[in-house]
Protein backbone atom coordinates (compact mmCIF):
# COMPACT_ATOMS: atom_id res chain seq x y z
CA MET A 1 7.84 0.80 14.41
CA GLU A 2 4.53 1.25 12.62
CA HIS A 3 0.89 1.58 13.47
CA ILE A 4 -0.51 -1.92 13.70
CA ASN A 5 -3.51 -3.77 15.03
CA PHE A 6 -2.49 -7.30 15.86
CA PHE A 7 -5.42 -9.71 15.91
CA SER A 8 -5.76 -13.37 15.14
CA ARG A 9 -9.09 -14.92 14.27
CA VAL A 10 -9.21 -16.21 17.86
CA SER A 11 -8.45 -12.88 19.55
CA LEU A 12 -10.78 -10.96 17.23
CA GLY A 13 -13.49 -13.53 17.98
CA ASN A 14 -12.92 -13.00 21.71
CA LEU A 15 -13.29 -9.24 21.30
CA MET A 16 -16.44 -9.53 19.22
CA ARG A 17 -18.06 -12.02 21.64
CA LEU A 18 -17.24 -9.68 24.53
CA ALA A 19 -19.07 -6.93 22.60
CA GLY A 20 -22.09 -9.19 22.07
CA PHE A 21 -21.46 -10.40 18.52
CA GLU A 22 -21.12 -13.85 17.00
CA GLU A 23 -19.07 -14.85 14.01
CA VAL A 24 -20.77 -15.49 10.71
CA ILE A 25 -17.51 -16.05 8.83
CA SER A 26 -13.88 -14.92 9.07
CA ALA A 27 -10.71 -15.60 7.11
CA SER A 28 -7.11 -14.45 6.99
CA HIS A 29 -5.89 -12.99 3.68
CA HIS A 30 -2.46 -11.94 2.44
CA ASN A 31 -1.96 -8.30 1.40
CA ASP A 32 0.63 -8.34 -1.40
CA PHE A 33 1.25 -4.58 -1.32
CA TYR A 34 2.31 -4.49 2.35
CA ASP A 35 3.37 -8.17 2.50
CA ASN A 36 1.29 -8.86 5.58
CA TYR A 37 -1.99 -10.50 6.52
CA TYR A 38 -5.36 -9.10 7.46
CA ILE A 39 -8.54 -10.64 8.79
CA LEU A 40 -11.79 -10.22 6.97
CA GLY A 41 -14.69 -11.04 9.26
CA LEU A 42 -18.44 -10.76 9.29
CA TYR A 43 -20.14 -10.70 12.69
CA ARG A 44 -23.74 -10.20 13.74
CA LYS A 45 -25.30 -9.13 16.99
CA ALA A 46 -25.77 -12.27 19.06
CA PRO A 47 -29.11 -13.01 20.71
CA LEU A 48 -29.08 -12.23 24.44
CA GLN A 49 -28.46 -15.29 26.59
CA ALA A 50 -28.62 -14.25 30.23
CA ASP A 51 -27.39 -17.52 31.74
CA THR A 52 -24.59 -18.33 29.26
CA PRO A 53 -21.34 -16.34 29.61
CA SER A 54 -19.49 -15.83 26.35
CA ALA A 55 -16.61 -18.27 25.94
CA PHE A 56 -13.14 -16.73 26.07
CA ILE A 57 -10.50 -18.72 24.19
CA VAL A 58 -6.87 -18.34 25.24
CA ASP A 59 -4.76 -17.56 22.18
CA LYS A 60 -1.26 -18.75 23.11
CA LYS A 61 0.02 -18.89 19.52
CA THR A 62 -0.70 -15.23 18.79
CA ALA A 63 0.77 -14.09 22.12
CA ALA A 64 4.11 -15.61 21.13
CA SER A 65 3.92 -13.85 17.74
CA VAL A 66 3.23 -10.49 19.39
CA HIS A 67 6.22 -10.96 21.72
CA THR A 68 8.45 -11.84 18.76
CA TYR A 69 7.15 -8.83 16.82
CA ALA A 70 7.76 -6.49 19.79
CA HIS A 71 11.31 -7.85 20.22
CA LYS A 72 12.12 -7.36 16.52
CA SER A 73 10.61 -3.85 16.62
CA THR A 74 12.79 -2.96 19.61
CA GLN A 75 15.87 -4.17 17.74
CA GLN A 76 14.87 -2.24 14.62
CA HIS A 77 14.20 0.91 16.65
CA ALA A 78 17.71 0.73 18.13
CA VAL A 79 19.24 0.59 14.64
CA VAL A 80 17.04 3.46 13.40
CA ALA A 81 17.89 5.52 16.51
CA THR A 82 21.59 5.04 15.72
CA ILE A 83 21.07 6.29 12.15
CA MET A 84 19.15 9.34 13.42
CA ALA A 85 21.92 10.07 15.96
CA ARG A 86 24.49 10.01 13.13
CA LEU A 87 22.41 12.51 11.17
CA ALA A 88 22.14 14.76 14.24
CA ASP A 89 25.86 14.50 15.02
CA ASP A 90 26.78 15.25 11.39
CA GLU A 91 25.40 18.80 11.71
CA ALA A 92 25.13 19.02 7.91
CA PRO A 93 21.96 20.38 6.31
CA LEU A 94 19.28 17.70 5.92
CA LEU A 95 16.07 17.37 3.93
CA VAL A 96 13.46 14.87 5.14
CA TRP A 97 11.15 13.36 2.53
CA GLY A 98 7.80 12.48 4.08
CA ALA A 99 5.56 14.37 6.50
CA GLY A 100 3.69 11.32 7.78
CA SER A 101 3.50 9.59 11.11
CA LEU A 102 6.97 8.03 10.71
CA THR A 103 8.62 11.47 10.54
CA SER A 104 6.67 12.70 13.57
CA ARG A 105 7.59 9.58 15.53
CA LEU A 106 11.27 9.84 14.55
CA MET A 107 11.30 13.49 15.62
CA CYS A 108 9.95 12.53 19.05
CA ASP A 109 11.51 9.10 19.69
CA THR A 110 15.02 9.60 18.27
CA ARG A 111 17.51 12.44 17.91
CA LEU A 112 16.23 13.39 14.45
CA ALA A 113 14.82 16.66 15.82
CA GLU A 114 18.41 17.64 16.73
CA ALA A 115 19.53 17.34 13.09
CA LYS A 116 19.91 20.48 10.97
CA ILE A 117 16.68 19.90 9.03
CA ILE A 118 16.07 22.55 6.37
CA ALA A 119 12.62 21.34 5.35
CA ILE A 120 10.31 18.34 5.11
CA ILE A 121 9.27 17.45 1.56
CA ASP A 122 5.86 16.01 0.84
CA ARG A 123 3.76 15.74 -2.31
CA ASN A 124 0.52 16.16 -0.35
CA GLN A 125 -0.56 19.72 -1.13
CA ALA A 126 -2.78 19.79 1.97
CA LEU A 127 0.36 19.47 4.13
CA GLN A 128 2.52 21.96 2.24
CA GLY A 129 2.87 25.23 4.14
CA LYS A 130 2.35 23.52 7.50
CA HIS A 131 5.10 22.68 10.00
CA ILE A 132 6.32 19.77 12.09
CA MET A 133 8.14 20.98 15.21
CA GLY A 134 8.70 24.33 13.49
CA ILE A 135 10.12 22.78 10.30
CA PRO A 136 8.27 23.76 7.12
CA ILE A 137 6.62 21.17 4.90
CA VAL A 138 7.38 22.04 1.28
CA GLU A 139 6.76 20.73 -2.24
CA GLU A 140 9.35 18.51 -3.91
CA ASP A 141 10.65 21.24 -6.24
CA PHE A 142 12.27 22.73 -3.11
CA LEU A 143 14.98 20.14 -3.81
CA THR A 144 16.30 22.22 -6.71
CA GLN A 145 17.36 24.94 -4.25
CA HIS A 146 19.51 22.51 -2.23
CA PRO A 147 21.44 20.22 -4.60
CA GLY A 148 23.82 17.82 -2.92
CA THR A 149 22.07 17.98 0.46
CA THR A 150 21.53 14.72 2.35
CA VAL A 151 17.96 13.44 2.04
CA LEU A 152 16.39 11.18 4.65
CA VAL A 153 13.55 9.19 3.07
CA ALA A 154 11.07 8.81 5.93
CA SER A 155 8.91 6.23 4.20
CA THR A 156 9.35 2.51 4.02
CA THR A 157 6.44 1.79 1.69
CA TYR A 158 7.52 4.24 -1.03
CA ALA A 159 11.26 4.48 -0.30
CA LEU A 160 12.43 2.80 -3.50
CA GLU A 161 10.15 4.97 -5.64
CA ILE A 162 11.40 8.13 -3.90
CA VAL A 163 15.05 7.11 -4.34
CA LYS A 164 14.41 6.41 -8.03
CA LEU A 165 12.74 9.81 -8.42
CA LEU A 166 15.65 11.58 -6.70
CA LYS A 167 18.20 9.88 -8.92
CA GLU A 168 16.36 10.01 -12.22
CA GLN A 169 14.37 13.23 -12.12
CA TYR A 170 16.67 15.33 -9.93
CA GLN A 171 20.02 13.59 -10.69
CA TRP A 172 20.62 13.72 -6.93
CA THR A 173 24.29 13.81 -5.96
CA GLY A 174 23.80 14.09 -2.21
CA GLN A 175 23.55 11.17 0.15
CA ILE A 176 20.17 9.42 0.27
CA VAL A 177 19.36 7.71 3.58
CA THR A 178 16.57 5.13 3.70
CA LEU A 179 15.27 2.95 6.50
CA ILE A 180 14.38 -0.07 4.42
CA GLY A 181 16.07 -3.26 5.52
CA VAL A 182 17.94 -1.69 8.44
CA ALA A 183 17.05 -4.38 10.98
CA GLU A 184 18.00 -7.29 8.74
CA ILE A 185 21.49 -5.98 8.06
CA GLU A 186 22.15 -4.30 11.41
CA GLY A 187 22.33 -0.72 10.20
CA THR A 188 24.66 -1.41 7.30
CA ASN A 189 22.04 -0.57 4.68
CA GLU A 190 24.00 0.81 1.74
CA SER A 191 22.01 4.03 1.90
CA ALA A 192 22.35 4.48 5.67
CA PRO A 193 25.04 6.93 6.84
């Protein structure tokens, strides 16, 4: 569902050796903000050794993790596609909060583009005034012109902050649809339609 580069220390080492580098040091670290792991590695150009092919290590453990991740992503996409279909079938006016890659992907990979989207809200001033599939990207104060409209929060990282802002600053009375937690509870997220 998201942009991701999936490497283990073994597979990254294979890639770097293939490119002519050798490992100086590498380690896996947890990223608290995104609740995932990343690899920090330092590699240097390896001396040329004409007779010695670089060793390729089969990484069976990571392959299983990638398959599991792809399976879970497929399941999550099915749930998200169902939510987007409900929004399209509803035919009620809709505001989408977030003009990032998730919105673009949802517009192309689900029925979201069929929904009656009035505008896409984004705080990034560089995006305001532009369009996604003909739908204008506007500043958040556009909300005041459409009280009670359903809002789809097309962000997982900042969804809770956006919901809080809608409720506290705008006293939002319309439905707020988020995508956080949809796979774990099979589309019954309290904010999902």
